[in-house]
Protein backbone atom coordinates (compact mmCIF):
# COMPACT_ATOMS: atom_id res chain seq x y z
CA MET A 1 -0.24 0.03 0.00
CA SER A 2 1.19 3.67 -0.98
CA ASN A 3 1.82 5.90 1.82
CA GLY A 4 0.10 8.82 -0.80
CA TRP A 5 2.89 11.14 0.16
CA ASN A 6 4.30 11.52 -3.21
CA GLU A 7 1.25 11.82 -4.81
CA SER A 8 -0.36 14.18 -1.94
CA ALA A 9 2.84 16.66 -1.53
CA ALA A 10 1.41 19.38 -3.77
CA ALA A 11 -1.91 19.67 -2.16
CA TRP A 12 -0.49 19.31 1.06
CA ILE A 13 2.04 22.20 0.99
CA ALA A 14 -0.84 24.46 -0.57
CA GLU A 15 -2.78 23.28 2.50
CA MET A 16 -0.11 23.98 5.10
CA GLY A 17 0.74 27.62 3.18
CA ASP A 18 3.52 29.39 5.76
CA LEU A 19 1.73 29.43 8.66
CA GLY A 20 -0.02 25.94 8.89
CA ASP A 21 -3.60 24.42 9.39
CA PHE A 22 -5.82 25.26 12.20
CA GLY A 23 -4.17 22.41 14.24
CA ARG A 24 -0.85 23.59 13.85
CA ARG A 25 -1.19 27.53 14.08
CA PHE A 26 -3.78 27.16 16.86
CA VAL A 27 -3.25 24.25 19.01
CA LEU A 28 0.03 22.84 18.51
CA ASP A 29 2.63 25.82 17.69
CA GLU A 30 2.52 27.73 20.84
CA PRO A 31 2.87 24.84 23.12
CA MET A 32 5.50 23.07 20.81
CA MET A 33 7.65 26.35 21.05
CA ALA A 34 7.23 26.80 24.44
CA LEU A 35 8.92 23.41 24.94
CA ALA A 36 11.63 24.12 22.71
CA ARG A 37 12.37 27.35 24.62
CA ARG A 38 12.03 26.01 27.88
CA ARG A 39 15.87 24.66 27.69
CA ALA A 40 19.23 25.87 26.25
CA PHE A 41 18.94 23.32 22.87
CA ALA A 42 21.68 24.15 20.48
CA SER A 43 20.62 21.39 17.88
CA ALA A 44 17.89 19.60 16.93
CA LEU A 45 16.60 16.98 14.31
CA ASP A 46 12.99 17.09 13.01
CA VAL A 47 11.78 13.93 11.97
CA GLY A 48 9.57 13.93 9.14
CA CYS A 49 9.66 17.51 8.56
CA GLY A 50 7.71 17.66 5.60
CA GLU A 51 8.00 21.01 3.93
CA GLY A 52 10.39 22.47 7.16
CA ARG A 53 7.72 25.09 8.49
CA PHE A 54 8.59 23.95 12.10
CA CYS A 55 12.18 23.77 11.15
CA ARG A 56 11.90 27.49 10.42
CA MET A 57 9.95 27.91 12.99
CA LEU A 58 12.61 26.77 15.42
CA GLN A 59 15.57 28.75 13.88
CA PRO A 60 15.19 32.17 15.39
CA LEU A 61 15.68 30.31 18.75
CA GLY A 62 19.17 30.07 17.76
CA ILE A 63 18.92 25.94 17.41
CA ARG A 64 20.95 24.50 14.61
CA THR A 65 18.43 22.75 13.23
CA ILE A 66 18.09 19.62 10.21
CA GLY A 67 15.24 18.39 9.11
CA VAL A 68 14.71 15.03 7.50
CA ASP A 69 11.57 13.37 5.51
CA PRO A 70 11.15 10.70 3.10
CA THR A 71 9.08 12.76 0.80
CA GLU A 72 11.28 14.30 -2.24
CA ALA A 73 8.91 17.26 -3.08
CA LEU A 74 8.39 18.24 0.47
CA VAL A 75 12.06 18.39 0.86
CA ALA A 76 12.56 20.20 -1.98
CA HIS A 77 9.81 22.60 -1.42
CA ALA A 78 11.73 23.45 2.21
CA ARG A 79 14.91 24.01 0.87
CA ALA A 80 13.68 26.22 -1.70
CA GLN A 81 11.66 28.07 1.55
CA ASP A 82 14.68 28.11 3.38
CA PRO A 83 17.99 28.09 1.14
CA GLY A 84 20.16 28.27 4.19
CA GLY A 85 18.69 25.57 6.17
CA ASP A 86 19.50 21.77 5.92
CA TYR A 87 16.81 19.17 4.89
CA ARG A 88 17.79 15.62 3.77
CA ILE A 89 16.20 12.91 2.02
CA GLY A 90 15.54 10.25 5.06
CA THR A 91 13.30 7.90 7.19
CA ALA A 92 12.81 7.76 11.02
CA GLU A 93 13.26 4.18 10.72
CA HIS A 94 17.00 4.59 9.33
CA LEU A 95 18.40 8.30 10.76
CA ASP A 96 21.69 8.61 8.92
CA PHE A 97 23.44 10.38 11.86
CA GLU A 98 25.94 9.35 14.68
CA ASP A 99 24.94 8.37 18.05
CA GLN A 100 24.02 11.25 20.56
CA SER A 101 24.06 13.93 17.60
CA PHE A 102 21.36 16.09 19.00
CA ASP A 103 20.15 17.80 22.04
CA LEU A 104 16.62 17.97 20.55
CA VAL A 105 14.45 15.60 18.29
CA VAL A 106 10.98 16.67 17.58
CA SER A 107 8.34 14.45 15.98
CA TYR A 108 5.63 16.77 14.84
CA LEU A 109 2.49 14.76 13.86
CA SER A 110 4.90 12.10 12.11
CA LEU A 111 4.67 9.35 14.31
CA ILE A 112 1.34 8.30 12.47
CA ASP A 113 3.00 8.07 9.44
CA ILE A 114 5.50 5.49 10.49
CA ALA A 115 5.16 1.85 9.90
CA GLN A 116 8.13 0.53 12.27
CA LEU A 117 7.13 2.67 15.48
CA ASP A 118 9.65 0.85 17.44
CA THR A 119 12.51 0.94 15.18
CA ALA A 120 12.05 4.58 14.58
CA LEU A 121 11.77 5.68 18.55
CA SER A 122 14.67 3.42 18.65
CA GLN A 123 16.87 5.64 15.93
CA MET A 124 15.69 8.95 17.60
CA THR A 125 16.58 7.51 21.01
CA ARG A 126 19.96 6.63 19.66
CA VAL A 127 20.75 10.30 17.89
CA LEU A 128 19.79 12.04 21.13
CA ARG A 129 22.31 13.34 23.68
CA PRO A 130 21.79 12.03 27.20
CA GLY A 131 19.98 15.04 29.06
CA GLY A 132 18.35 15.85 25.37
CA SER A 133 14.60 15.85 25.05
CA LEU A 134 12.58 13.93 22.28
CA LEU A 135 9.58 15.99 21.75
CA ILE A 136 6.05 14.76 20.31
CA ALA A 137 3.07 15.98 19.02
CA ASN A 138 0.56 13.29 17.97
CA LEU A 139 -2.89 12.56 17.26
CA THR A 140 -4.71 10.89 19.88
CA GLY A 141 -5.53 7.01 19.53
CA PHE A 142 -9.42 7.99 19.32
CA THR A 143 -8.92 10.23 16.81
CA THR A 144 -6.66 8.02 14.81
CA ALA A 145 -9.28 4.77 15.55
CA GLY A 146 -11.86 7.21 13.42
CA MET A 147 -14.24 7.42 16.40
CA VAL A 148 -14.10 11.18 15.57
CA PHE A 149 -12.02 11.93 12.76
CA GLY A 150 -14.49 13.84 10.56
CA GLY A 151 -17.35 12.21 12.51
CA ARG A 152 -16.62 8.66 10.81
CA ARG A 153 -14.12 6.11 10.26
CA PRO A 154 -11.48 7.33 7.44
CA ARG A 155 -12.01 5.25 4.26
CA GLY A 156 -10.19 2.28 3.97
CA ALA A 157 -10.34 1.48 7.87
CA ASP A 158 -11.23 -1.75 9.23
CA LYS A 159 -14.76 -1.71 10.15
CA HIS A 160 -14.10 -4.51 12.41
CA ALA A 161 -10.73 -2.68 13.92
CA GLY A 162 -11.31 -0.97 17.43
CA TYR A 163 -9.40 1.40 19.36
CA LEU A 164 -7.00 -1.22 20.82
CA ASP A 165 -5.98 -2.76 17.07
CA GLU A 166 -3.38 -1.14 15.29
CA HIS A 167 -3.68 -0.79 11.86
CA ALA A 168 -3.43 1.61 9.07
CA SER A 169 -5.98 3.46 6.78
CA LEU A 170 -6.20 5.84 3.81
CA VAL A 171 -7.45 9.26 5.17
CA ARG A 172 -8.52 11.69 2.78
CA TRP A 173 -9.65 15.19 2.62
CA GLY A 174 -9.64 17.30 -0.24
CA ASP A 175 -6.71 16.69 -3.02
CA ILE A 176 -4.82 14.57 -0.21
CA SER A 177 -4.80 10.82 0.41
CA ILE A 178 -2.09 9.78 2.86
CA ARG A 179 -1.81 6.62 4.90
CA ASN A 180 -2.42 7.05 8.87
CA TRP A 181 -1.34 4.44 11.82
CA HIS A 182 -3.54 3.94 14.29
CA ARG A 183 -2.42 2.92 17.78
CA PRO A 184 -3.44 3.11 21.53
CA LEU A 185 -1.83 5.20 23.56
CA GLU A 186 -0.58 2.48 25.23
CA ALA A 187 1.64 1.28 21.97
CA TYR A 188 3.12 4.68 22.25
CA MET A 189 3.97 4.79 25.99
CA LYS A 190 5.04 1.04 26.02
CA GLY A 191 7.88 1.99 23.49
CA LEU A 192 8.97 5.01 24.90
CA LEU A 193 9.31 3.70 28.21
CA GLU A 194 10.64 0.51 27.62
CA ILE A 195 13.32 2.27 25.48
CA GLY A 196 14.56 4.05 28.77
CA LEU A 197 13.17 7.52 28.19
CA GLN A 198 11.52 9.37 31.07
CA LEU A 199 8.29 11.41 30.68
CA ARG A 200 8.67 15.05 31.28
CA HIS A 201 5.75 16.59 30.09
CA PHE A 202 2.33 15.51 29.01
CA SER A 203 -0.69 17.69 27.54
CA GLU A 204 -3.83 17.69 25.42
CA PRO A 205 -3.31 21.65 24.25
CA ARG A 206 -6.57 23.90 23.73
CA PRO A 207 -7.08 25.84 20.76
CA TYR A 208 -5.40 29.67 21.12
CA GLY A 209 -7.19 31.16 18.57
CA GLY A 210 -8.81 30.44 15.23
CA PRO A 211 -12.46 30.40 13.97
CA ASP A 212 -15.14 29.75 16.38
CA GLU A 213 -16.69 26.83 14.62
CA LYS A 214 -13.44 24.79 14.91
CA VAL A 215 -12.73 25.77 18.29
CA ARG A 216 -16.18 24.39 19.27
CA ARG A 217 -15.36 21.24 17.49
CA TYR A 218 -11.93 20.67 18.81
CA LEU A 219 -13.25 21.20 22.54
CA LYS A 220 -15.90 18.88 22.12
CA ALA A 221 -13.46 15.92 20.54
CA PRO A 222 -9.94 17.35 21.13
CA TYR A 223 -7.67 15.07 19.02
CA PHE A 224 -4.06 16.30 19.50
CA LEU A 225 -1.42 15.56 22.46
CA ILE A 226 1.79 16.66 23.42
CA MET A 227 4.85 14.81 24.96
CA GLU A 228 8.16 15.65 26.32
CA TRP A 229 10.42 12.83 26.70
CA VAL A 230 13.91 13.06 28.19
CA LYS A 231 17.18 10.69 27.79
CA PRO A 232 18.50 9.71 30.97
CA GLY A 233 22.06 11.73 31.57
CA PRO A 234 23.41 15.27 32.56
CA ALA A 235 20.73 17.79 31.78
CA GLY A 236 21.55 21.31 30.11
CA PRO A 237 20.85 24.63 31.62
CA ALA A 238 17.60 26.00 31.19
CA ARG A 239 16.83 28.88 29.62
CA ALA A 240 16.13 32.34 31.57
């Protein structure tokens, strides 16, 4: 099954624009940036960076950022938008970096696109320095199970699959058609705990702006969560 990203890249770029969609612009960006500012990170790897928007947001903080994504059209767009940036073709399951290369690793709504979750988490942890943070924004399991996404299951979802059953489905809106993976929250928590990371932050962020109708819909059935996991070891100094 194709993951759909190559075919959907142009539509995705148009959908995101410079500011991102409702969820990024009015729910996730502010708390994700607050966590990035909280500690003195010097280097970051954005795994599944897409069109490079969050990489560009991190750079004014003085964080040397590298973005990695397997979709060539998205990486090409990221490079065009930010010629001085560092954007590379690559997958979460095979990160081509030395051990302990980054203070911060970011997965901003990319875990749902990854088939081999345990391998990806192992790779992200490997390239993270002791004391560094893995910062995750993800869809909730209830959303990816299809219980609240658009009020119905995504097309292609197994009608017999439930919240506890890991499965992939093709999610379509507009001209975008991509494969997302559903996993219960337990799968993420067990994977991160078993790899030895320590949970530092967990939140289900509320909207801080945006159209009233979308805010009301989101508050009725929130579909994002944010986690910060720290690799044991000496911690860097907190930002003032």
